Amino acid sequence: VQEMEEGGHEVLLGVSRAIGMVEPYTHLASGFRAPNLDERYFNNNIHGGMRLFGNPDLRSERSLSYELGLRTAGGLPEWLNSARISAYRSDVDDLITFRYIGMLYLEPRFQYFNVQRARLEGVEAVTQLRFGSIMVEASGSFPVGTDVTTGKRLEDVGAPSASLEIVCPMTKLLPYGRVSTRVRWNDALSDVSEILRRPAFSTTSIEASFVVHGVYAVNTTQGRFRNA
């Protein structure tokens, strides 16, 4: 049994077995979560100038989750630090989420509410590689959220995404120096409320860090590109 933040708990059961360099595993979890104070009484602007309202009549969530995956075990080649791929599914009663309730004075408004029967499922994968002193980490996720009663997509579950990060040490030039480059891609959101729709986009960031006279310094450059 694992206690969750803000009035909830989760009962976990897992089984795994290493077979050579790989380890199949499965998880089963039953959860309960009460609505927090923000979900009940929040009334303010959030990102993008949207107004979000709480709902004091929210009911508590109850969920049953399954996960089946494959991860690396011991005896890996030097270039492979770790890898994991998994598929998951959660059936949730009274899922706490939000919905668009209209526009007032050109300000989009949303409010928390319960989805009587929801299903959250998807696939995730992550791997970490090493080529000499260079670290490479790649990951991807494909989440899907559905209102089982209506068949409609849940609007706050997110979209498929993928990222690639390359970290190169620069200790020969600067003390504890390194350069990290990250590229992230996010798929479009189209089958949601018009106010939440957006095209696919990608972001690229380059971060250089080092230590000078005991001071840790970081310089970051970031760009965002909208896919046509």
Protein backbone atom coordinates (compact mmCIF):
# COMPACT_ATOMS: atom_id res chain seq x y z
CA VAL A 1 0.00 0.00 0.00
CA GLN A 2 1.42 3.40 -1.01
CA GLU A 3 0.11 6.70 0.33
CA MET A 4 -0.48 9.41 -2.28
CA GLU A 5 -0.33 13.17 -1.82
CA GLU A 6 -3.46 15.15 -0.90
CA GLY A 7 -5.72 12.43 0.41
CA GLY A 8 -5.27 9.26 -1.60
CA HIS A 9 -3.74 5.80 -1.57
CA GLU A 10 -2.69 3.12 -4.03
CA VAL A 11 -2.38 -0.65 -3.60
CA LEU A 12 0.36 -2.11 -5.83
CA LEU A 13 1.17 -5.65 -6.91
CA GLY A 14 4.02 -6.45 -9.28
CA VAL A 15 5.78 -9.48 -10.74
CA SER A 16 9.03 -9.58 -12.74
CA ARG A 17 11.57 -12.19 -13.86
CA ALA A 18 14.98 -11.59 -15.41
CA ILE A 19 15.73 -13.70 -18.49
CA GLY A 20 19.26 -13.04 -19.65
CA MET A 21 19.64 -9.33 -20.46
CA VAL A 22 15.89 -8.58 -20.37
CA GLU A 23 13.30 -8.56 -17.60
CA PRO A 24 9.56 -8.86 -18.39
CA TYR A 25 7.34 -7.34 -15.71
CA THR A 26 3.72 -6.61 -14.94
CA HIS A 27 2.04 -4.27 -12.45
CA LEU A 28 -1.51 -4.20 -11.08
CA ALA A 29 -2.69 -1.25 -8.99
CA SER A 30 -5.91 -0.14 -7.33
CA GLY A 31 -6.14 3.55 -6.41
CA PHE A 32 -8.27 6.09 -4.59
CA ARG A 33 -7.86 9.89 -4.70
CA ALA A 34 -9.97 12.61 -3.14
CA PRO A 35 -10.23 16.01 -4.89
CA ASN A 36 -7.73 18.54 -3.57
CA LEU A 37 -8.43 22.15 -2.56
CA ASP A 38 -7.49 23.60 -5.96
CA GLU A 39 -9.86 21.22 -7.76
CA ARG A 40 -12.65 22.19 -5.39
CA TYR A 41 -12.19 25.95 -4.99
CA PHE A 42 -9.66 27.31 -7.53
CA ASN A 43 -10.78 30.48 -9.35
CA ASN A 44 -8.02 32.18 -11.31
CA ASN A 45 -6.22 32.47 -14.63
CA ILE A 46 -3.83 29.74 -15.79
CA HIS A 47 -1.49 29.46 -18.80
CA GLY A 48 -2.63 31.06 -22.04
CA GLY A 49 -5.02 33.46 -20.31
CA MET A 50 -7.62 30.77 -19.57
CA ARG A 51 -9.87 31.02 -16.51
CA LEU A 52 -10.20 27.84 -14.44
CA PHE A 53 -12.90 27.28 -11.80
CA GLY A 54 -13.02 24.69 -9.05
CA ASN A 55 -16.01 22.49 -8.29
CA PRO A 56 -16.93 21.82 -4.62
CA ASP A 57 -19.22 18.95 -5.68
CA LEU A 58 -16.41 16.77 -7.09
CA ARG A 59 -16.44 13.08 -6.18
CA SER A 60 -13.34 11.00 -5.37
CA GLU A 61 -11.57 8.99 -8.07
CA ARG A 62 -11.31 5.20 -7.97
CA SER A 63 -9.07 3.38 -10.43
CA LEU A 64 -7.77 -0.01 -11.49
CA SER A 65 -4.54 0.03 -13.52
CA TYR A 66 -2.52 -2.53 -15.46
CA GLU A 67 0.98 -2.31 -16.92
CA LEU A 68 2.94 -4.83 -18.97
CA GLY A 69 6.50 -4.09 -19.97
CA LEU A 70 10.01 -5.18 -20.80
CA ARG A 71 13.19 -3.62 -19.37
CA THR A 72 16.88 -4.36 -19.45
CA ALA A 73 18.53 -6.41 -16.74
CA GLY A 74 22.24 -7.18 -16.16
CA GLY A 75 24.97 -8.15 -18.60
CA LEU A 76 24.35 -5.28 -21.03
CA PRO A 77 26.85 -4.17 -23.68
CA GLU A 78 28.92 -1.09 -22.78
CA TRP A 79 26.98 1.22 -25.13
CA LEU A 80 23.58 0.39 -23.57
CA ASN A 81 22.91 1.76 -20.09
CA SER A 82 19.20 0.93 -19.87
CA ALA A 83 16.01 0.54 -21.90
CA ARG A 84 12.33 0.06 -21.16
CA ILE A 85 9.09 -0.26 -23.13
CA SER A 86 5.67 -0.67 -21.55
CA ALA A 87 1.96 -0.60 -22.30
CA TYR A 88 -0.52 0.56 -19.65
CA ARG A 89 -4.26 0.93 -19.09
CA SER A 90 -6.27 2.52 -16.28
CA ASP A 91 -10.03 2.26 -15.84
CA VAL A 92 -11.11 5.19 -13.66
CA ASP A 93 -14.48 5.89 -12.07
CA ASP A 94 -15.23 9.61 -11.50
CA LEU A 95 -11.96 10.80 -13.07
CA ILE A 96 -11.26 14.42 -12.11
CA THR A 97 -10.50 16.51 -15.20
CA PHE A 98 -11.69 19.81 -16.70
CA ARG A 99 -13.92 20.93 -19.57
CA TYR A 100 -14.54 24.06 -21.58
CA ILE A 101 -17.68 25.90 -20.37
CA GLY A 102 -17.68 28.91 -22.69
CA MET A 103 -16.26 32.35 -23.32
CA LEU A 104 -16.91 35.46 -21.24
CA TYR A 105 -15.47 38.87 -22.24
CA LEU A 106 -13.17 37.05 -24.72
CA GLU A 107 -11.75 34.93 -21.89
CA PRO A 108 -12.06 31.12 -22.30
CA ARG A 109 -13.39 29.45 -19.15
CA PHE A 110 -12.89 25.90 -17.88
CA GLN A 111 -14.14 24.01 -14.84
CA TYR A 112 -13.19 20.80 -13.06
CA PHE A 113 -15.73 17.99 -13.28
CA ASN A 114 -16.00 14.20 -12.93
CA VAL A 115 -15.98 11.80 -15.86
CA GLN A 116 -18.18 8.94 -14.72
CA ARG A 117 -16.18 6.26 -16.56
CA ALA A 118 -12.81 7.02 -18.13
CA ARG A 119 -10.08 4.95 -19.71
CA LEU A 120 -6.42 6.02 -19.86
CA GLU A 121 -4.04 3.90 -21.93
CA GLY A 122 -0.90 4.17 -23.96
CA VAL A 123 2.62 3.05 -24.73
CA GLU A 124 5.90 4.45 -23.36
CA ALA A 125 9.52 3.74 -24.28
CA VAL A 126 12.86 5.12 -23.05
CA THR A 127 16.48 4.17 -23.63
CA GLN A 128 19.82 5.53 -22.46
CA LEU A 129 22.97 4.93 -24.52
CA ARG A 130 26.65 5.71 -23.96
CA PHE A 131 29.23 6.22 -26.71
CA GLY A 132 32.50 6.85 -24.93
CA SER A 133 31.87 9.93 -22.78
CA ILE A 134 28.77 10.99 -24.76
CA MET A 135 25.34 10.17 -23.27
CA VAL A 136 22.26 9.80 -25.47
CA GLU A 137 18.72 9.45 -24.10
CA ALA A 138 15.66 8.88 -26.31
CA SER A 139 12.05 8.55 -25.18
CA GLY A 140 8.55 8.53 -26.58
CA SER A 141 4.97 8.24 -25.35
CA PHE A 142 1.58 7.69 -26.96
CA PRO A 143 -1.18 8.50 -24.41
CA VAL A 144 -4.90 8.13 -25.09
CA GLY A 145 -7.74 9.17 -22.78
CA THR A 146 -11.38 8.32 -23.50
CA ASP A 147 -14.73 9.04 -21.88
CA VAL A 148 -16.14 5.51 -22.03
CA THR A 149 -19.76 6.70 -21.83
CA THR A 150 -19.58 9.12 -24.78
CA GLY A 151 -16.56 7.77 -26.66
CA LYS A 152 -15.03 11.26 -26.79
CA ARG A 153 -11.38 12.07 -26.15
CA LEU A 154 -10.40 13.51 -22.77
CA GLU A 155 -8.95 16.97 -23.36
CA ASP A 156 -6.21 17.10 -20.71
CA VAL A 157 -4.48 13.76 -21.39
CA GLY A 158 -1.99 15.23 -23.86
CA ALA A 159 -0.69 14.15 -27.26
CA PRO A 160 1.98 11.74 -28.53
CA SER A 161 5.50 13.08 -28.04
CA ALA A 162 9.13 12.08 -28.50
CA SER A 163 12.43 13.52 -27.29
CA LEU A 164 16.14 13.07 -27.91
CA GLU A 165 18.89 14.42 -25.65
CA ILE A 166 22.64 14.32 -26.26
CA VAL A 167 25.05 15.27 -23.46
CA CYS A 168 28.70 15.94 -24.31
CA PRO A 169 31.30 16.65 -21.59
CA MET A 170 33.57 19.66 -22.17
CA THR A 171 35.88 19.19 -19.20
CA LYS A 172 39.00 19.80 -21.30
CA LEU A 173 37.84 23.36 -21.96
CA LEU A 174 36.03 24.27 -18.73
CA PRO A 175 35.84 22.78 -15.21
CA TYR A 176 32.89 20.37 -15.02
CA GLY A 177 31.79 21.72 -18.39
CA ARG A 178 29.21 20.02 -20.56
CA VAL A 179 26.87 20.79 -23.47
CA SER A 180 23.39 19.28 -23.61
CA THR A 181 21.20 19.37 -26.74
CA ARG A 182 17.55 18.35 -26.54
CA VAL A 183 14.99 18.03 -29.34
CA ARG A 184 11.34 17.39 -28.48
CA TRP A 185 8.39 16.78 -30.82
CA ASN A 186 4.70 17.03 -29.87
CA ASP A 187 1.86 15.83 -32.07
CA ALA A 188 -1.13 18.00 -32.97
CA LEU A 189 -4.29 18.24 -30.84
CA SER A 190 -7.25 18.28 -33.21
CA ASP A 191 -10.13 16.24 -31.76
CA VAL A 192 -10.67 18.51 -28.71
CA SER A 193 -12.50 21.78 -28.02
CA GLU A 194 -11.56 24.45 -30.57
CA ILE A 195 -9.97 26.65 -27.92
CA LEU A 196 -7.48 23.84 -27.04
CA ARG A 197 -6.57 22.79 -30.58
CA ARG A 198 -2.99 23.28 -31.74
CA PRO A 199 -0.76 22.06 -34.57
CA ALA A 200 2.18 19.74 -34.10
CA PHE A 201 5.36 21.50 -33.00
CA SER A 202 8.93 20.81 -31.96
CA THR A 203 11.36 22.52 -29.60
CA THR A 204 15.15 22.53 -29.59
CA SER A 205 17.31 23.67 -26.68
CA ILE A 206 21.07 23.86 -26.20
CA GLU A 207 22.41 24.18 -22.67
CA ALA A 208 26.03 24.82 -21.70
CA SER A 209 27.08 24.52 -18.05
CA PHE A 210 30.37 24.84 -16.18
CA VAL A 211 31.90 25.83 -12.85
CA VAL A 212 34.09 28.92 -12.44
CA HIS A 213 35.62 29.85 -9.07
CA GLY A 214 33.08 27.67 -7.27
CA VAL A 215 30.10 29.19 -9.13
CA TYR A 216 27.89 26.94 -11.27
CA ALA A 217 26.89 28.76 -14.48
CA VAL A 218 24.28 27.70 -17.07
CA ASN A 219 23.44 29.27 -20.43
CA THR A 220 20.41 28.01 -22.37
CA THR A 221 19.14 28.79 -25.88
CA GLN A 222 15.73 27.49 -26.92
CA GLY A 223 13.68 27.60 -30.12
CA ARG A 224 10.16 26.45 -30.97
CA PHE A 225 9.09 25.40 -34.47
CA ARG A 226 5.53 24.95 -35.65
CA ASN A 227 5.04 22.08 -38.07
CA ALA A 228 3.22 22.94 -41.29
